[in-house]
Amino acid sequence: MSEADTRFESGMRVRRSVLGDAHVDRVLANQSEFDAPFQRFITETAWGSLWARPDLDRRTRSLITVAILAALGRREELEVHLRASRNTGASPAEIREALLHVAVYAGVPAANSAMALAKSNLAPPNAKESGEASR
């Protein structure tokens, strides 16, 4: 097996662990000939080269990723990683603290938008139905 294949396999294990099988299966089911090389690239590089490194745990990587995505205003990816925080061990309180850092270092508008996404994505599933998420 080549180094790239090893990185891909490792990356797929990490990607599934962090994002969940259902998410990864959905993405892969929707890939086309056009974006298949991109999916392989992000699996090898983001997940197989970066997230698989041993010096930071997944909780820490998750918090860093949430903060960067919030600072950049990348809503779709931020929502994915907010949901994934349930798998990485990053708590809602830790995410809130990371977003407070975003407010100071990247701006209040970016943090405000991210806080709203976090509030809706981190609420317990039954809280959304009963309206507790907006209290």
C-alpha atoms as a PDB file:
ATOM      1  CA  MET A   1       0.000   0.000   0.000  1.00  0.00           C
ATOM      2  CA  SER A   2       1.363   3.432  -0.926  1.00  0.00           C
ATOM      3  CA  GLU A   3       1.902   6.224   1.605  1.00  0.00           C
ATOM      4  CA  ALA A   4      -1.050   8.140   0.108  1.00  0.00           C
ATOM      5  CA  ASP A   5      -3.279   5.049   0.447  1.00  0.00           C
ATOM      6  CA  THR A   6      -2.196   4.630   4.066  1.00  0.00           C
ATOM      7  CA  ARG A   7      -2.919   8.323   4.730  1.00  0.00           C
ATOM      8  CA  PHE A   8      -6.317   7.958   3.033  1.00  0.00           C
ATOM      9  CA  GLU A   9      -7.273   4.904   5.115  1.00  0.00           C
ATOM     10  CA  SER A  10      -6.126   6.579   8.330  1.00  0.00           C
ATOM     11  CA  GLY A  11      -7.920   9.750   7.317  1.00  0.00           C
ATOM     12  CA  MET A  12     -11.148   7.910   6.624  1.00  0.00           C
ATOM     13  CA  ARG A  13     -11.052   6.305  10.082  1.00  0.00           C
ATOM     14  CA  VAL A  14     -10.498   9.691  11.750  1.00  0.00           C
ATOM     15  CA  ARG A  15     -13.070  11.440   9.540  1.00  0.00           C
ATOM     16  CA  ARG A  16     -15.712   8.836  10.403  1.00  0.00           C
ATOM     17  CA  SER A  17     -14.837   8.994  14.099  1.00  0.00           C
ATOM     18  CA  VAL A  18     -15.113  12.786  14.231  1.00  0.00           C
ATOM     19  CA  LEU A  19     -17.947  13.503  11.788  1.00  0.00           C
ATOM     20  CA  GLY A  20     -19.864  10.248  12.155  1.00  0.00           C
ATOM     21  CA  ASP A  21     -20.561   7.489   9.674  1.00  0.00           C
ATOM     22  CA  ALA A  22     -23.898   8.968   8.560  1.00  0.00           C
ATOM     23  CA  HIS A  23     -22.310  12.292   7.572  1.00  0.00           C
ATOM     24  CA  VAL A  24     -19.378  10.688   5.743  1.00  0.00           C
ATOM     25  CA  ASP A  25     -21.662   8.186   4.004  1.00  0.00           C
ATOM     26  CA  ARG A  26     -23.894  11.065   2.825  1.00  0.00           C
ATOM     27  CA  VAL A  27     -20.921  13.015   1.473  1.00  0.00           C
ATOM     28  CA  LEU A  28     -19.494   9.987  -0.316  1.00  0.00           C
ATOM     29  CA  ALA A  29     -22.891   9.021  -1.753  1.00  0.00           C
ATOM     30  CA  ASN A  30     -23.201  12.522  -3.210  1.00  0.00           C
ATOM     31  CA  GLN A  31     -19.708  12.720  -4.662  1.00  0.00           C
ATOM     32  CA  SER A  32     -19.320  12.751  -8.400  1.00  0.00           C
ATOM     33  CA  GLU A  33     -16.485  12.114 -10.795  1.00  0.00           C
ATOM     34  CA  PHE A  34     -15.855  15.859 -10.620  1.00  0.00           C
ATOM     35  CA  ASP A  35     -15.366  16.159  -6.843  1.00  0.00           C
ATOM     36  CA  ALA A  36     -14.086  12.645  -6.015  1.00  0.00           C
ATOM     37  CA  PRO A  37     -10.431  13.813  -6.225  1.00  0.00           C
ATOM     38  CA  PHE A  38     -11.270  16.661  -3.817  1.00  0.00           C
ATOM     39  CA  GLN A  39     -12.894  14.232  -1.358  1.00  0.00           C
ATOM     40  CA  ARG A  40      -9.792  12.053  -1.486  1.00  0.00           C
ATOM     41  CA  PHE A  41      -7.561  15.110  -1.029  1.00  0.00           C
ATOM     42  CA  ILE A  42      -9.358  16.339   2.104  1.00  0.00           C
ATOM     43  CA  THR A  43      -9.497  12.827   3.536  1.00  0.00           C
ATOM     44  CA  GLU A  44      -5.743  12.396   3.042  1.00  0.00           C
ATOM     45  CA  THR A  45      -4.632  15.882   4.094  1.00  0.00           C
ATOM     46  CA  ALA A  46      -7.133  17.240   6.620  1.00  0.00           C
ATOM     47  CA  TRP A  47      -8.019  13.933   8.242  1.00  0.00           C
ATOM     48  CA  GLY A  48      -5.062  11.625   7.470  1.00  0.00           C
ATOM     49  CA  SER A  49      -2.225  14.132   7.825  1.00  0.00           C
ATOM     50  CA  LEU A  50      -3.533  16.772  10.245  1.00  0.00           C
ATOM     51  CA  TRP A  51      -6.278  15.306  12.472  1.00  0.00           C
ATOM     52  CA  ALA A  52      -4.331  12.013  12.763  1.00  0.00           C
ATOM     53  CA  ARG A  53      -1.245  13.715  14.240  1.00  0.00           C
ATOM     54  CA  PRO A  54      -0.565  12.650  17.847  1.00  0.00           C
ATOM     55  CA  ASP A  55       0.407  15.943  19.514  1.00  0.00           C
ATOM     56  CA  LEU A  56      -3.117  17.348  19.962  1.00  0.00           C
ATOM     57  CA  ASP A  57      -6.155  15.360  20.991  1.00  0.00           C
ATOM     58  CA  ARG A  58      -9.369  15.480  18.995  1.00  0.00           C
ATOM     59  CA  ARG A  59     -11.091  17.708  21.562  1.00  0.00           C
ATOM     60  CA  THR A  60      -8.402  20.358  21.155  1.00  0.00           C
ATOM     61  CA  ARG A  61      -8.388  20.059  17.360  1.00  0.00           C
ATOM     62  CA  SER A  62     -12.169  20.385  17.396  1.00  0.00           C
ATOM     63  CA  LEU A  63     -12.030  23.615  19.442  1.00  0.00           C
ATOM     64  CA  ILE A  64      -9.348  25.076  17.172  1.00  0.00           C
ATOM     65  CA  THR A  65     -11.345  24.144  14.084  1.00  0.00           C
ATOM     66  CA  VAL A  66     -14.559  25.675  15.452  1.00  0.00           C
ATOM     67  CA  ALA A  67     -12.737  28.911  16.319  1.00  0.00           C
ATOM     68  CA  ILE A  68     -11.070  29.187  12.904  1.00  0.00           C
ATOM     69  CA  LEU A  69     -14.265  28.437  10.994  1.00  0.00           C
ATOM     70  CA  ALA A  70     -16.161  30.958  13.137  1.00  0.00           C
ATOM     71  CA  ALA A  71     -13.509  33.625  12.570  1.00  0.00           C
ATOM     72  CA  LEU A  72     -13.643  33.023   8.811  1.00  0.00           C
ATOM     73  CA  GLY A  73     -17.444  32.998   8.724  1.00  0.00           C
ATOM     74  CA  ARG A  74     -17.611  29.523   7.160  1.00  0.00           C
ATOM     75  CA  ARG A  75     -21.150  28.694   8.330  1.00  0.00           C
ATOM     76  CA  GLU A  76     -21.696  25.342   6.610  1.00  0.00           C
ATOM     77  CA  GLU A  77     -18.414  23.852   7.784  1.00  0.00           C
ATOM     78  CA  LEU A  78     -18.880  25.402  11.232  1.00  0.00           C
ATOM     79  CA  GLU A  79     -22.236  23.637  11.594  1.00  0.00           C
ATOM     80  CA  VAL A  80     -20.610  20.332  10.621  1.00  0.00           C
ATOM     81  CA  HIS A  81     -17.906  20.784  13.257  1.00  0.00           C
ATOM     82  CA  LEU A  82     -20.322  21.991  15.927  1.00  0.00           C
ATOM     83  CA  ARG A  83     -22.302  18.773  15.469  1.00  0.00           C
ATOM     84  CA  ALA A  84     -19.052  16.784  15.396  1.00  0.00           C
ATOM     85  CA  SER A  85     -18.040  18.220  18.771  1.00  0.00           C
ATOM     86  CA  ARG A  86     -20.351  15.598  20.314  1.00  0.00           C
ATOM     87  CA  ASN A  87     -17.872  12.997  19.012  1.00  0.00           C
ATOM     88  CA  THR A  88     -14.670  14.829  19.945  1.00  0.00           C
ATOM     89  CA  GLY A  89     -15.383  15.556  23.595  1.00  0.00           C
ATOM     90  CA  ALA A  90     -15.451  19.350  23.195  1.00  0.00           C
ATOM     91  CA  SER A  91     -18.174  20.538  25.551  1.00  0.00           C
ATOM     92  CA  PRO A  92     -20.645  23.338  24.840  1.00  0.00           C
ATOM     93  CA  ALA A  93     -18.959  25.379  27.591  1.00  0.00           C
ATOM     94  CA  GLU A  94     -15.562  24.954  25.906  1.00  0.00           C
ATOM     95  CA  ILE A  95     -17.032  25.909  22.539  1.00  0.00           C
ATOM     96  CA  ARG A  96     -18.567  29.009  24.115  1.00  0.00           C
ATOM     97  CA  GLU A  97     -15.125  29.964  25.476  1.00  0.00           C
ATOM     98  CA  ALA A  98     -13.530  29.433  22.061  1.00  0.00           C
ATOM     99  CA  LEU A  99     -16.181  31.683  20.504  1.00  0.00           C
ATOM    100  CA  LEU A 100     -15.515  34.362  23.125  1.00  0.00           C
ATOM    101  CA  HIS A 101     -11.919  34.302  21.898  1.00  0.00           C
ATOM    102  CA  VAL A 102     -13.220  34.723  18.365  1.00  0.00           C
ATOM    103  CA  ALA A 103     -15.111  37.843  19.495  1.00  0.00           C
ATOM    104  CA  VAL A 104     -11.941  39.472  20.790  1.00  0.00           C
ATOM    105  CA  TYR A 105      -9.483  38.346  18.133  1.00  0.00           C
ATOM    106  CA  ALA A 106     -11.648  38.118  14.998  1.00  0.00           C
ATOM    107  CA  GLY A 107     -14.576  40.398  15.752  1.00  0.00           C
ATOM    108  CA  VAL A 108     -17.931  40.461  17.452  1.00  0.00           C
ATOM    109  CA  PRO A 109     -19.963  39.974  14.239  1.00  0.00           C
ATOM    110  CA  ALA A 110     -18.165  36.693  13.470  1.00  0.00           C
ATOM    111  CA  ALA A 111     -18.611  35.467  17.031  1.00  0.00           C
ATOM    112  CA  ASN A 112     -22.250  36.584  17.138  1.00  0.00           C
ATOM    113  CA  SER A 113     -23.072  34.555  14.037  1.00  0.00           C
ATOM    114  CA  ALA A 114     -21.148  31.562  15.377  1.00  0.00           C
ATOM    115  CA  MET A 115     -22.866  31.803  18.780  1.00  0.00           C
ATOM    116  CA  ALA A 116     -26.261  31.627  17.079  1.00  0.00           C
ATOM    117  CA  LEU A 117     -25.185  28.528  15.129  1.00  0.00           C
ATOM    118  CA  ALA A 118     -23.725  26.949  18.256  1.00  0.00           C
ATOM    119  CA  LYS A 119     -26.865  27.689  20.252  1.00  0.00           C
ATOM    120  CA  SER A 120     -29.058  25.889  17.716  1.00  0.00           C
ATOM    121  CA  ASN A 121     -26.633  23.040  16.967  1.00  0.00           C
ATOM    122  CA  LEU A 122     -25.576  22.241  20.521  1.00  0.00           C
ATOM    123  CA  ALA A 123     -29.005  22.247  22.148  1.00  0.00           C
ATOM    124  CA  PRO A 124     -30.159  18.812  23.254  1.00  0.00           C
ATOM    125  CA  PRO A 125     -32.274  17.276  20.446  1.00  0.00           C
ATOM    126  CA  ASN A 126     -35.514  17.381  22.469  1.00  0.00           C
ATOM    127  CA  ALA A 127     -34.876  21.004  23.555  1.00  0.00           C
ATOM    128  CA  LYS A 128     -35.274  22.177  19.938  1.00  0.00           C
ATOM    129  CA  GLU A 129     -38.693  20.557  19.745  1.00  0.00           C
ATOM    130  CA  SER A 130     -39.920  22.035  23.024  1.00  0.00           C
ATOM    131  CA  GLY A 131     -38.563  25.518  22.326  1.00  0.00           C
ATOM    132  CA  GLU A 132     -35.927  25.383  25.063  1.00  0.00           C
ATOM    133  CA  ALA A 133     -33.144  26.262  22.610  1.00  0.00           C
ATOM    134  CA  SER A 134     -34.481  29.800  22.264  1.00  0.00           C
ATOM    135  CA  ARG A 135     -34.771  30.506  25.985  1.00  0.00           C
END
